[in-house]
Amino acid sequence: MRRNLLMPIAGGVAAALILVGVLFLVGHHHTTTDVAISSSTPSALPTFLPTLSPSVTTAPVATGSHTPRGDAKPTPTPHPTRTVSSVDCTKPSDAQFCSRKGDTVFTNGTFTPPKNAGPVSHPNAATITMDSTLGSSKIHAVVTIENKSSRTFHFPSREIDFEITRDGKHFDTITTSGAAFDMTPGTKMTGTFDRPISENGTYAWQARVWYWVE
């Protein structure tokens, strides 16, 4: 009877020892896993951050002279210019820069009717028209320079010279002024001139400009 009682007790003790051993192993394994996770996070940072530095590069510093590329456009040469006063309307080479002449005879306050011969037009050149009227002892003229071509005319200044002669000699020159501009096709420039007349004589007048064709 006593022997039979000891066997269940021994079995219970053995089972208790086995349970304690399992709990010890599980607890020990869980602690090791926590340590491994916590240590892996900082160890990853040193191996990742340095990979950013190679992407930062320094541009090379240019030294020495610059050699133009083969397809680089050369610097344009400035176009030669002339003053409007240098235009000689008696020369065929300058005729495209001049209007036709207007004239009248003034005698004791009376004018003879002026001539309006119509516009001057040359190929690839500006069309220059001068409309003249006389009255109140003065010459009144409206000069229009118009681009009726397909080209562009560059005017170094908005200058129109209106030259008047009396009995074949220089009497007066009236000049407009303004900034340079490009007269594109279909555009125009107009100048209005008035000159009082008090002395008898034969008067003639003509307008002139200067530009180049682009």
C-alpha atoms as a PDB file:
ATOM      1  CA  MET A   1       0.000   0.000   0.000  1.00  0.00           C
ATOM      2  CA  ARG A   2       2.795   2.448   0.869  1.00  0.00           C
ATOM      3  CA  ARG A   3       4.714   1.530  -2.257  1.00  0.00           C
ATOM      4  CA  ASN A   4       1.751   2.280  -4.405  1.00  0.00           C
ATOM      5  CA  LEU A   5       1.439   5.731  -2.788  1.00  0.00           C
ATOM      6  CA  LEU A   6       5.074   6.706  -3.506  1.00  0.00           C
ATOM      7  CA  MET A   7       4.839   6.015  -7.224  1.00  0.00           C
ATOM      8  CA  PRO A   8       2.262   8.720  -7.968  1.00  0.00           C
ATOM      9  CA  ILE A   9       4.272  11.230  -5.899  1.00  0.00           C
ATOM     10  CA  ALA A  10       7.470  10.444  -7.782  1.00  0.00           C
ATOM     11  CA  GLY A  11       5.637  10.800 -11.044  1.00  0.00           C
ATOM     12  CA  GLY A  12       4.290  14.179  -9.993  1.00  0.00           C
ATOM     13  CA  VAL A  13       7.748  15.428  -9.025  1.00  0.00           C
ATOM     14  CA  ALA A  14       9.181  14.334 -12.367  1.00  0.00           C
ATOM     15  CA  ALA A  15       6.408  16.078 -14.259  1.00  0.00           C
ATOM     16  CA  ALA A  16       7.018  19.249 -12.268  1.00  0.00           C
ATOM     17  CA  LEU A  17      10.720  19.162 -13.053  1.00  0.00           C
ATOM     18  CA  ILE A  18      10.021  18.712 -16.762  1.00  0.00           C
ATOM     19  CA  LEU A  19       7.609  21.701 -16.731  1.00  0.00           C
ATOM     20  CA  VAL A  20      10.162  23.958 -15.028  1.00  0.00           C
ATOM     21  CA  GLY A  21      12.755  23.006 -17.625  1.00  0.00           C
ATOM     22  CA  VAL A  22      10.455  23.868 -20.516  1.00  0.00           C
ATOM     23  CA  LEU A  23       9.550  27.233 -18.982  1.00  0.00           C
ATOM     24  CA  PHE A  24      13.228  28.020 -18.504  1.00  0.00           C
ATOM     25  CA  LEU A  25      14.080  27.234 -22.110  1.00  0.00           C
ATOM     26  CA  VAL A  26      11.142  29.274 -23.468  1.00  0.00           C
ATOM     27  CA  GLY A  27      11.994  32.237 -21.301  1.00  0.00           C
ATOM     28  CA  HIS A  28      15.665  32.116 -22.305  1.00  0.00           C
ATOM     29  CA  HIS A  29      14.838  31.921 -26.036  1.00  0.00           C
ATOM     30  CA  HIS A  30      12.426  34.887 -25.834  1.00  0.00           C
ATOM     31  CA  THR A  31      15.020  37.123 -24.217  1.00  0.00           C
ATOM     32  CA  THR A  32      17.584  36.330 -26.893  1.00  0.00           C
ATOM     33  CA  THR A  33      15.115  37.254 -29.651  1.00  0.00           C
ATOM     34  CA  ASP A  34      14.428  40.649 -28.068  1.00  0.00           C
ATOM     35  CA  VAL A  35      18.140  41.428 -27.882  1.00  0.00           C
ATOM     36  CA  ALA A  36      18.697  40.485 -31.501  1.00  0.00           C
ATOM     37  CA  ILE A  37      15.916  42.815 -32.741  1.00  0.00           C
ATOM     38  CA  SER A  38      17.047  45.765 -30.679  1.00  0.00           C
ATOM     39  CA  SER A  39      20.642  45.459 -31.824  1.00  0.00           C
ATOM     40  CA  SER A  40      19.839  45.082 -35.511  1.00  0.00           C
ATOM     41  CA  THR A  41      18.309  48.569 -35.849  1.00  0.00           C
ATOM     42  CA  PRO A  42      21.365  50.696 -35.028  1.00  0.00           C
ATOM     43  CA  SER A  43      23.681  48.360 -36.896  1.00  0.00           C
ATOM     44  CA  ALA A  44      21.815  49.112 -40.120  1.00  0.00           C
ATOM     45  CA  LEU A  45      22.371  52.903 -39.957  1.00  0.00           C
ATOM     46  CA  PRO A  46      26.164  53.040 -40.401  1.00  0.00           C
ATOM     47  CA  THR A  47      25.988  50.851 -43.493  1.00  0.00           C
ATOM     48  CA  PHE A  48      23.190  52.922 -45.127  1.00  0.00           C
ATOM     49  CA  LEU A  49      24.037  56.592 -44.568  1.00  0.00           C
ATOM     50  CA  PRO A  50      27.495  56.642 -46.195  1.00  0.00           C
ATOM     51  CA  THR A  51      25.955  55.618 -49.529  1.00  0.00           C
ATOM     52  CA  LEU A  52      24.601  59.202 -49.889  1.00  0.00           C
ATOM     53  CA  SER A  53      27.991  60.845 -50.120  1.00  0.00           C
ATOM     54  CA  PRO A  54      29.069  59.528 -53.561  1.00  0.00           C
ATOM     55  CA  SER A  55      26.020  61.218 -55.131  1.00  0.00           C
ATOM     56  CA  VAL A  56      27.382  64.666 -54.159  1.00  0.00           C
ATOM     57  CA  THR A  57      29.910  65.648 -56.789  1.00  0.00           C
ATOM     58  CA  THR A  58      31.825  68.868 -57.383  1.00  0.00           C
ATOM     59  CA  ALA A  59      31.629  70.498 -60.830  1.00  0.00           C
ATOM     60  CA  PRO A  60      34.996  70.841 -62.545  1.00  0.00           C
ATOM     61  CA  VAL A  61      36.461  74.339 -62.630  1.00  0.00           C
ATOM     62  CA  ALA A  62      37.013  75.687 -66.146  1.00  0.00           C
ATOM     63  CA  THR A  63      40.532  76.872 -66.808  1.00  0.00           C
ATOM     64  CA  GLY A  64      42.381  78.186 -69.820  1.00  0.00           C
ATOM     65  CA  SER A  65      40.921  79.707 -72.999  1.00  0.00           C
ATOM     66  CA  HIS A  66      37.522  78.838 -74.456  1.00  0.00           C
ATOM     67  CA  THR A  67      37.407  77.191 -77.843  1.00  0.00           C
ATOM     68  CA  PRO A  68      34.191  78.019 -79.776  1.00  0.00           C
ATOM     69  CA  ARG A  69      32.094  75.138 -80.977  1.00  0.00           C
ATOM     70  CA  GLY A  70      32.111  74.391 -84.657  1.00  0.00           C
ATOM     71  CA  ASP A  71      28.428  75.287 -84.973  1.00  0.00           C
ATOM     72  CA  ALA A  72      28.675  78.536 -82.951  1.00  0.00           C
ATOM     73  CA  LYS A  73      27.433  81.596 -84.820  1.00  0.00           C
ATOM     74  CA  PRO A  74      30.026  84.368 -85.284  1.00  0.00           C
ATOM     75  CA  THR A  75      29.381  87.786 -83.811  1.00  0.00           C
ATOM     76  CA  PRO A  76      27.576  89.840 -86.474  1.00  0.00           C
ATOM     77  CA  THR A  77      29.480  92.759 -87.946  1.00  0.00           C
ATOM     78  CA  PRO A  78      27.732  96.101 -87.321  1.00  0.00           C
ATOM     79  CA  HIS A  79      26.073  97.454 -90.445  1.00  0.00           C
ATOM     80  CA  PRO A  80      27.723 100.608 -91.813  1.00  0.00           C
ATOM     81  CA  THR A  81      25.504 103.645 -91.333  1.00  0.00           C
ATOM     82  CA  ARG A  82      25.089 107.009 -93.000  1.00  0.00           C
ATOM     83  CA  THR A  83      23.634 110.285 -91.886  1.00  0.00           C
ATOM     84  CA  VAL A  84      20.453 111.389 -93.628  1.00  0.00           C
ATOM     85  CA  SER A  85      22.182 114.639 -94.559  1.00  0.00           C
ATOM     86  CA  SER A  86      24.710 112.640 -96.626  1.00  0.00           C
ATOM     87  CA  VAL A  87      21.959 111.438 -98.994  1.00  0.00           C
ATOM     88  CA  ASP A  88      22.289 113.165-102.384  1.00  0.00           C
ATOM     89  CA  CYS A  89      18.944 113.065-104.136  1.00  0.00           C
ATOM     90  CA  THR A  90      20.552 113.983-107.466  1.00  0.00           C
ATOM     91  CA  LYS A  91      22.413 110.649-107.556  1.00  0.00           C
ATOM     92  CA  PRO A  92      20.610 107.571-108.939  1.00  0.00           C
ATOM     93  CA  SER A  93      22.124 105.430-106.158  1.00  0.00           C
ATOM     94  CA  ASP A  94      20.378 107.584-103.526  1.00  0.00           C
ATOM     95  CA  ALA A  95      17.080 108.080-105.342  1.00  0.00           C
ATOM     96  CA  GLN A  96      15.324 105.393-103.276  1.00  0.00           C
ATOM     97  CA  PHE A  97      15.827 107.507-100.138  1.00  0.00           C
ATOM     98  CA  CYS A  98      14.159 110.640-101.552  1.00  0.00           C
ATOM     99  CA  SER A  99      10.676 111.889-102.334  1.00  0.00           C
ATOM    100  CA  ARG A 100       9.794 113.697-105.531  1.00  0.00           C
ATOM    101  CA  LYS A 101      10.157 117.477-105.465  1.00  0.00           C
ATOM    102  CA  GLY A 102       7.430 119.989-104.830  1.00  0.00           C
ATOM    103  CA  ASP A 103       7.748 123.589-106.007  1.00  0.00           C
ATOM    104  CA  THR A 104       5.947 126.885-106.198  1.00  0.00           C
ATOM    105  CA  VAL A 105       6.462 130.516-107.051  1.00  0.00           C
ATOM    106  CA  PHE A 106       5.628 132.943-104.274  1.00  0.00           C
ATOM    107  CA  THR A 107       4.842 136.522-105.362  1.00  0.00           C
ATOM    108  CA  ASN A 108       3.470 139.188-103.026  1.00  0.00           C
ATOM    109  CA  GLY A 109       1.698 136.693-100.784  1.00  0.00           C
ATOM    110  CA  THR A 110       0.401 134.475-103.583  1.00  0.00           C
ATOM    111  CA  PHE A 111       1.540 130.910-104.395  1.00  0.00           C
ATOM    112  CA  THR A 112       1.316 129.083-107.660  1.00  0.00           C
ATOM    113  CA  PRO A 113      -0.209 125.573-107.200  1.00  0.00           C
ATOM    114  CA  PRO A 114       2.347 123.054-105.934  1.00  0.00           C
ATOM    115  CA  LYS A 115       3.292 119.908-107.789  1.00  0.00           C
ATOM    116  CA  ASN A 116       2.429 116.552-106.202  1.00  0.00           C
ATOM    117  CA  ALA A 117       4.104 114.159-108.604  1.00  0.00           C
ATOM    118  CA  GLY A 118       3.110 111.077-106.624  1.00  0.00           C
ATOM    119  CA  PRO A 119       5.096 108.489-104.675  1.00  0.00           C
ATOM    120  CA  VAL A 120       8.583 107.247-105.377  1.00  0.00           C
ATOM    121  CA  SER A 121       8.838 103.460-105.433  1.00  0.00           C
ATOM    122  CA  HIS A 122      11.818 101.181-106.082  1.00  0.00           C
ATOM    123  CA  PRO A 123      12.175  97.385-105.804  1.00  0.00           C
ATOM    124  CA  ASN A 124      12.835  96.299-102.183  1.00  0.00           C
ATOM    125  CA  ALA A 125      12.707  99.920-101.058  1.00  0.00           C
ATOM    126  CA  ALA A 126      10.377 102.138 -99.084  1.00  0.00           C
ATOM    127  CA  THR A 127       7.592 103.981-100.875  1.00  0.00           C
ATOM    128  CA  ILE A 128       7.951 107.718-100.170  1.00  0.00           C
ATOM    129  CA  THR A 129       4.977 110.006-100.712  1.00  0.00           C
ATOM    130  CA  MET A 130       4.827 113.769-100.163  1.00  0.00           C
ATOM    131  CA  ASP A 131       1.522 115.673-100.252  1.00  0.00           C
ATOM    132  CA  SER A 132       1.942 119.450-100.282  1.00  0.00           C
ATOM    133  CA  THR A 133      -0.496 122.319 -99.845  1.00  0.00           C
ATOM    134  CA  LEU A 134       0.067 126.076 -99.754  1.00  0.00           C
ATOM    135  CA  GLY A 135      -1.848 128.654 -97.809  1.00  0.00           C
ATOM    136  CA  SER A 136      -1.604 131.399 -95.205  1.00  0.00           C
ATOM    137  CA  SER A 137       1.876 132.191 -96.570  1.00  0.00           C
ATOM    138  CA  LYS A 138       3.351 128.838 -95.636  1.00  0.00           C
ATOM    139  CA  ILE A 139       4.350 125.516 -97.153  1.00  0.00           C
ATOM    140  CA  HIS A 140       2.598 122.542 -95.589  1.00  0.00           C
ATOM    141  CA  ALA A 141       3.766 118.997 -96.435  1.00  0.00           C
ATOM    142  CA  VAL A 142       2.969 115.518 -95.135  1.00  0.00           C
ATOM    143  CA  VAL A 143       5.673 112.956 -95.884  1.00  0.00           C
ATOM    144  CA  THR A 144       4.879 109.230 -95.598  1.00  0.00           C
ATOM    145  CA  ILE A 145       7.483 106.475 -95.726  1.00  0.00           C
ATOM    146  CA  GLU A 146       5.734 103.132 -96.134  1.00  0.00           C
ATOM    147  CA  ASN A 147       6.950  99.553 -96.426  1.00  0.00           C
ATOM    148  CA  LYS A 148       4.952  97.869 -99.192  1.00  0.00           C
ATOM    149  CA  SER A 149       7.612  95.197 -99.747  1.00  0.00           C
ATOM    150  CA  SER A 150       8.184  91.813 -98.119  1.00  0.00           C
ATOM    151  CA  ARG A 151      11.472  92.944 -96.567  1.00  0.00           C
ATOM    152  CA  THR A 152      12.233  94.788 -93.329  1.00  0.00           C
ATOM    153  CA  PHE A 153      13.883  98.220 -93.363  1.00  0.00           C
ATOM    154  CA  HIS A 154      16.037  99.280 -90.433  1.00  0.00           C
ATOM    155  CA  PHE A 155      16.104 102.994 -89.646  1.00  0.00           C
ATOM    156  CA  PRO A 156      19.039 104.004 -87.380  1.00  0.00           C
ATOM    157  CA  SER A 157      16.849 106.955 -86.336  1.00  0.00           C
ATOM    158  CA  ARG A 158      13.361 108.274 -87.069  1.00  0.00           C
ATOM    159  CA  GLU A 159      14.829 111.115 -89.064  1.00  0.00           C
ATOM    160  CA  ILE A 160      13.194 112.752 -92.049  1.00  0.00           C
ATOM    161  CA  ASP A 161      14.975 115.749 -93.536  1.00  0.00           C
ATOM    162  CA  PHE A 162      12.695 118.255 -95.270  1.00  0.00           C
ATOM    163  CA  GLU A 163      14.929 120.508 -97.346  1.00  0.00           C
ATOM    164  CA  ILE A 164      13.709 123.741 -98.926  1.00  0.00           C
ATOM    165  CA  THR A 165      15.509 125.828-101.532  1.00  0.00           C
ATOM    166  CA  ARG A 166      14.775 129.370-102.723  1.00  0.00           C
ATOM    167  CA  ASP A 167      15.866 130.373-106.199  1.00  0.00           C
ATOM    168  CA  GLY A 168      18.104 127.291-106.364  1.00  0.00           C
ATOM    169  CA  LYS A 169      19.895 127.942-103.067  1.00  0.00           C
ATOM    170  CA  HIS A 170      19.479 126.329 -99.693  1.00  0.00           C
ATOM    171  CA  PHE A 171      16.749 128.062 -97.715  1.00  0.00           C
ATOM    172  CA  ASP A 172      15.962 125.807 -94.740  1.00  0.00           C
ATOM    173  CA  THR A 173      16.029 122.204 -93.522  1.00  0.00           C
ATOM    174  CA  ILE A 174      13.503 120.876 -91.016  1.00  0.00           C
ATOM    175  CA  THR A 175      14.380 117.581 -89.347  1.00  0.00           C
ATOM    176  CA  THR A 176      12.425 115.052 -87.304  1.00  0.00           C
ATOM    177  CA  SER A 177      14.078 112.802 -84.732  1.00  0.00           C
ATOM    178  CA  GLY A 178      13.423 109.624 -82.788  1.00  0.00           C
ATOM    179  CA  ALA A 179      14.801 106.252 -81.761  1.00  0.00           C
ATOM    180  CA  ALA A 180      15.923 103.568 -84.195  1.00  0.00           C
ATOM    181  CA  PHE A 181      13.318 101.039 -85.317  1.00  0.00           C
ATOM    182  CA  ASP A 182      12.591  98.260 -87.786  1.00  0.00           C
ATOM    183  CA  MET A 183       9.935  99.046 -90.375  1.00  0.00           C
ATOM    184  CA  THR A 184       8.310  95.704 -91.012  1.00  0.00           C
ATOM    185  CA  PRO A 185       6.123  94.983 -94.067  1.00  0.00           C
ATOM    186  CA  GLY A 186       2.865  96.914 -93.968  1.00  0.00           C
ATOM    187  CA  THR A 187       4.037  99.625 -91.551  1.00  0.00           C
ATOM    188  CA  LYS A 188       4.872 103.285 -92.169  1.00  0.00           C
ATOM    189  CA  MET A 189       6.318 106.484 -90.727  1.00  0.00           C
ATOM    190  CA  THR A 190       4.833 109.956 -91.258  1.00  0.00           C
ATOM    191  CA  GLY A 191       6.245 113.442 -90.781  1.00  0.00           C
ATOM    192  CA  THR A 192       4.368 116.759 -91.027  1.00  0.00           C
ATOM    193  CA  PHE A 193       6.207 119.963 -91.969  1.00  0.00           C
ATOM    194  CA  ASP A 194       5.173 123.632 -91.996  1.00  0.00           C
ATOM    195  CA  ARG A 195       7.369 126.539 -93.112  1.00  0.00           C
ATOM    196  CA  PRO A 196       6.175 130.170 -93.278  1.00  0.00           C
ATOM    197  CA  ILE A 197       7.169 132.058 -96.431  1.00  0.00           C
ATOM    198  CA  SER A 198       7.436 135.835 -96.650  1.00  0.00           C
ATOM    199  CA  GLU A 199       9.938 136.621 -99.446  1.00  0.00           C
ATOM    200  CA  ASN A 200       9.213 136.417-103.130  1.00  0.00           C
ATOM    201  CA  GLY A 201      10.966 133.663-105.002  1.00  0.00           C
ATOM    202  CA  THR A 202      10.820 130.194-106.542  1.00  0.00           C
ATOM    203  CA  TYR A 203      10.684 127.580-103.823  1.00  0.00           C
ATOM    204  CA  ALA A 204      11.308 123.835-104.046  1.00  0.00           C
ATOM    205  CA  TRP A 205      11.264 121.183-101.341  1.00  0.00           C
ATOM    206  CA  GLN A 206      12.068 117.521-101.003  1.00  0.00           C
ATOM    207  CA  ALA A 207      12.178 114.892 -98.226  1.00  0.00           C
ATOM    208  CA  ARG A 208      14.913 112.344 -97.665  1.00  0.00           C
ATOM    209  CA  VAL A 209      15.621 109.485 -95.252  1.00  0.00           C
ATOM    210  CA  TRP A 210      18.153 106.694 -94.898  1.00  0.00           C
ATOM    211  CA  TYR A 211      17.762 103.029 -93.941  1.00  0.00           C
ATOM    212  CA  TRP A 212      19.064  99.616 -94.870  1.00  0.00           C
ATOM    213  CA  VAL A 213      17.260  96.529 -96.050  1.00  0.00           C
ATOM    214  CA  GLU A 214      17.467  93.485 -93.763  1.00  0.00           C
END
